[in-house]
Amino acid sequence: SKDLKGAMELLIEQKRQKLSTVEKLDEHMDFASQLIFAQNRGDLTAENVNQCVLEMMIAAPDTLSVTLFFMLILIAEHPTVEEEMMREIETVVGKQDLHS
């Protein structure tokens, strides 16, 4: 837990440094950036920012897997939608192999 917290603090500091050097902020305004700016304004503490980012990193795999599971069930229950999705994939990707 201590190692994870330290790694998270390092990532946030790297993000903070990157934000200080960018020319156009609007291209880099993600949720972590919003948290950092909230800390700069005094709305959040450094601990608040660290905790929010840590919770996003830990929760994301669970929520993503549940979302994908239900998405796959819905696709399986609606074969016409599945066929339409496959046609669109073939149109965009063509016959090349898909890679992750």
C-alpha atoms as a PDB file:
ATOM      1  CA  SER A   1       0.000   0.000   0.000  1.00  0.00           C
ATOM      2  CA  LYS A   2       2.863   2.374   0.849  1.00  0.00           C
ATOM      3  CA  ASP A   3       4.607   1.541  -2.454  1.00  0.00           C
ATOM      4  CA  LEU A   4       1.390   2.142  -4.386  1.00  0.00           C
ATOM      5  CA  LYS A   5       0.853   5.473  -2.651  1.00  0.00           C
ATOM      6  CA  GLY A   6       4.426   6.518  -3.438  1.00  0.00           C
ATOM      7  CA  ALA A   7       4.052   5.502  -7.081  1.00  0.00           C
ATOM      8  CA  MET A   8       0.795   7.479  -7.300  1.00  0.00           C
ATOM      9  CA  GLU A   9       2.439  10.575  -5.820  1.00  0.00           C
ATOM     10  CA  LEU A  10       5.241  10.265  -8.387  1.00  0.00           C
ATOM     11  CA  LEU A  11       2.751   9.991 -11.271  1.00  0.00           C
ATOM     12  CA  ILE A  12       0.819  13.024 -10.037  1.00  0.00           C
ATOM     13  CA  GLU A  13       4.027  15.034  -9.734  1.00  0.00           C
ATOM     14  CA  GLN A  14       5.011  14.052 -13.282  1.00  0.00           C
ATOM     15  CA  LYS A  15       1.561  15.152 -14.467  1.00  0.00           C
ATOM     16  CA  ARG A  16       1.922  18.434 -12.556  1.00  0.00           C
ATOM     17  CA  GLN A  17       5.288  19.116 -14.224  1.00  0.00           C
ATOM     18  CA  LYS A  18       3.887  18.300 -17.666  1.00  0.00           C
ATOM     19  CA  LEU A  19       0.983  20.704 -17.108  1.00  0.00           C
ATOM     20  CA  SER A  20       3.411  23.480 -16.171  1.00  0.00           C
ATOM     21  CA  THR A  21       5.181  23.198 -19.540  1.00  0.00           C
ATOM     22  CA  VAL A  22       2.296  22.813 -22.007  1.00  0.00           C
ATOM     23  CA  GLU A  23       1.323  25.709 -24.241  1.00  0.00           C
ATOM     24  CA  LYS A  24      -2.372  24.841 -24.703  1.00  0.00           C
ATOM     25  CA  LEU A  25      -4.014  23.556 -21.530  1.00  0.00           C
ATOM     26  CA  ASP A  26      -7.306  22.590 -23.185  1.00  0.00           C
ATOM     27  CA  GLU A  27      -5.584  19.649 -24.913  1.00  0.00           C
ATOM     28  CA  HIS A  28      -4.455  18.252 -21.543  1.00  0.00           C
ATOM     29  CA  MET A  29      -7.522  18.861 -19.364  1.00  0.00           C
ATOM     30  CA  ASP A  30      -8.398  15.401 -18.105  1.00  0.00           C
ATOM     31  CA  PHE A  31      -9.763  14.503 -14.673  1.00  0.00           C
ATOM     32  CA  ALA A  32      -6.315  14.296 -13.046  1.00  0.00           C
ATOM     33  CA  SER A  33      -5.497  17.772 -14.397  1.00  0.00           C
ATOM     34  CA  GLN A  34      -8.731  19.133 -12.947  1.00  0.00           C
ATOM     35  CA  LEU A  35      -7.803  17.660  -9.563  1.00  0.00           C
ATOM     36  CA  ILE A  36      -4.333  19.228  -9.700  1.00  0.00           C
ATOM     37  CA  PHE A  37      -5.790  22.641 -10.546  1.00  0.00           C
ATOM     38  CA  ALA A  38      -8.324  22.276  -7.724  1.00  0.00           C
ATOM     39  CA  GLN A  39      -5.394  21.698  -5.365  1.00  0.00           C
ATOM     40  CA  ASN A  40      -3.598  24.752  -6.792  1.00  0.00           C
ATOM     41  CA  ARG A  41      -6.719  26.850  -6.055  1.00  0.00           C
ATOM     42  CA  GLY A  42      -6.849  25.490  -2.513  1.00  0.00           C
ATOM     43  CA  ASP A  43     -10.081  23.533  -3.055  1.00  0.00           C
ATOM     44  CA  LEU A  44      -8.370  20.171  -2.421  1.00  0.00           C
ATOM     45  CA  THR A  45      -5.356  19.012  -0.444  1.00  0.00           C
ATOM     46  CA  ALA A  46      -2.512  16.987  -1.940  1.00  0.00           C
ATOM     47  CA  GLU A  47      -3.878  13.993   0.000  1.00  0.00           C
ATOM     48  CA  ASN A  48      -7.325  14.502  -1.585  1.00  0.00           C
ATOM     49  CA  VAL A  49      -5.787  14.498  -5.067  1.00  0.00           C
ATOM     50  CA  ASN A  50      -3.673  11.416  -4.334  1.00  0.00           C
ATOM     51  CA  GLN A  51      -6.662   9.532  -2.942  1.00  0.00           C
ATOM     52  CA  CYS A  52      -8.922  10.395  -5.905  1.00  0.00           C
ATOM     53  CA  VAL A  53      -6.333   9.296  -8.456  1.00  0.00           C
ATOM     54  CA  LEU A  54      -5.556   6.128  -6.488  1.00  0.00           C
ATOM     55  CA  GLU A  55      -9.245   5.214  -6.303  1.00  0.00           C
ATOM     56  CA  MET A  56      -9.629   5.787 -10.052  1.00  0.00           C
ATOM     57  CA  MET A  57      -6.673   3.503 -10.769  1.00  0.00           C
ATOM     58  CA  ILE A  58      -7.901   0.754  -8.441  1.00  0.00           C
ATOM     59  CA  ALA A  59     -11.587   0.928  -9.410  1.00  0.00           C
ATOM     60  CA  ALA A  60     -11.130   1.178 -13.175  1.00  0.00           C
ATOM     61  CA  PRO A  61     -10.408  -2.522 -13.873  1.00  0.00           C
ATOM     62  CA  ASP A  62     -13.499  -3.628 -11.914  1.00  0.00           C
ATOM     63  CA  THR A  63     -15.890  -1.164 -13.485  1.00  0.00           C
ATOM     64  CA  LEU A  64     -14.444  -1.765 -16.939  1.00  0.00           C
ATOM     65  CA  SER A  65     -14.794  -5.538 -16.664  1.00  0.00           C
ATOM     66  CA  VAL A  66     -18.419  -5.279 -15.469  1.00  0.00           C
ATOM     67  CA  THR A  67     -19.260  -2.816 -18.256  1.00  0.00           C
ATOM     68  CA  LEU A  68     -17.669  -5.039 -20.908  1.00  0.00           C
ATOM     69  CA  PHE A  69     -19.477  -8.093 -19.532  1.00  0.00           C
ATOM     70  CA  PHE A  70     -22.899  -6.433 -19.826  1.00  0.00           C
ATOM     71  CA  MET A  71     -22.033  -4.961 -23.219  1.00  0.00           C
ATOM     72  CA  LEU A  72     -21.170  -8.431 -24.530  1.00  0.00           C
ATOM     73  CA  ILE A  73     -24.398  -9.880 -23.120  1.00  0.00           C
ATOM     74  CA  LEU A  74     -26.443  -7.141 -24.810  1.00  0.00           C
ATOM     75  CA  ILE A  75     -24.645  -7.698 -28.116  1.00  0.00           C
ATOM     76  CA  ALA A  76     -25.274 -11.455 -27.866  1.00  0.00           C
ATOM     77  CA  GLU A  77     -28.981 -10.813 -27.210  1.00  0.00           C
ATOM     78  CA  HIS A  78     -29.279  -8.551 -30.293  1.00  0.00           C
ATOM     79  CA  PRO A  79     -27.794 -10.372 -33.306  1.00  0.00           C
ATOM     80  CA  THR A  80     -28.790  -7.641 -35.761  1.00  0.00           C
ATOM     81  CA  VAL A  81     -26.769  -5.121 -33.766  1.00  0.00           C
ATOM     82  CA  GLU A  82     -23.847  -7.562 -33.693  1.00  0.00           C
ATOM     83  CA  GLU A  83     -24.010  -7.950 -37.491  1.00  0.00           C
ATOM     84  CA  GLU A  84     -24.113  -4.189 -37.948  1.00  0.00           C
ATOM     85  CA  MET A  85     -21.092  -3.768 -35.650  1.00  0.00           C
ATOM     86  CA  MET A  86     -19.153  -6.416 -37.571  1.00  0.00           C
ATOM     87  CA  ARG A  87     -19.943  -4.676 -40.885  1.00  0.00           C
ATOM     88  CA  GLU A  88     -18.717  -1.376 -39.480  1.00  0.00           C
ATOM     89  CA  ILE A  89     -15.509  -2.974 -38.179  1.00  0.00           C
ATOM     90  CA  GLU A  90     -14.867  -4.554 -41.580  1.00  0.00           C
ATOM     91  CA  THR A  91     -15.511  -1.201 -43.280  1.00  0.00           C
ATOM     92  CA  VAL A  92     -13.058   0.637 -41.046  1.00  0.00           C
ATOM     93  CA  VAL A  93     -10.407  -2.054 -40.534  1.00  0.00           C
ATOM     94  CA  GLY A  94     -10.801  -4.089 -43.694  1.00  0.00           C
ATOM     95  CA  LYS A  95      -9.464  -7.630 -43.788  1.00  0.00           C
ATOM     96  CA  GLN A  96      -6.354  -6.969 -41.706  1.00  0.00           C
ATOM     97  CA  ASP A  97      -5.906  -8.775 -38.393  1.00  0.00           C
ATOM     98  CA  LEU A  98      -6.966  -6.951 -35.254  1.00  0.00           C
ATOM     99  CA  HIS A  99      -4.329  -6.461 -32.563  1.00  0.00           C
ATOM    100  CA  SER A 100      -4.702  -5.276 -28.992  1.00  0.00           C
END
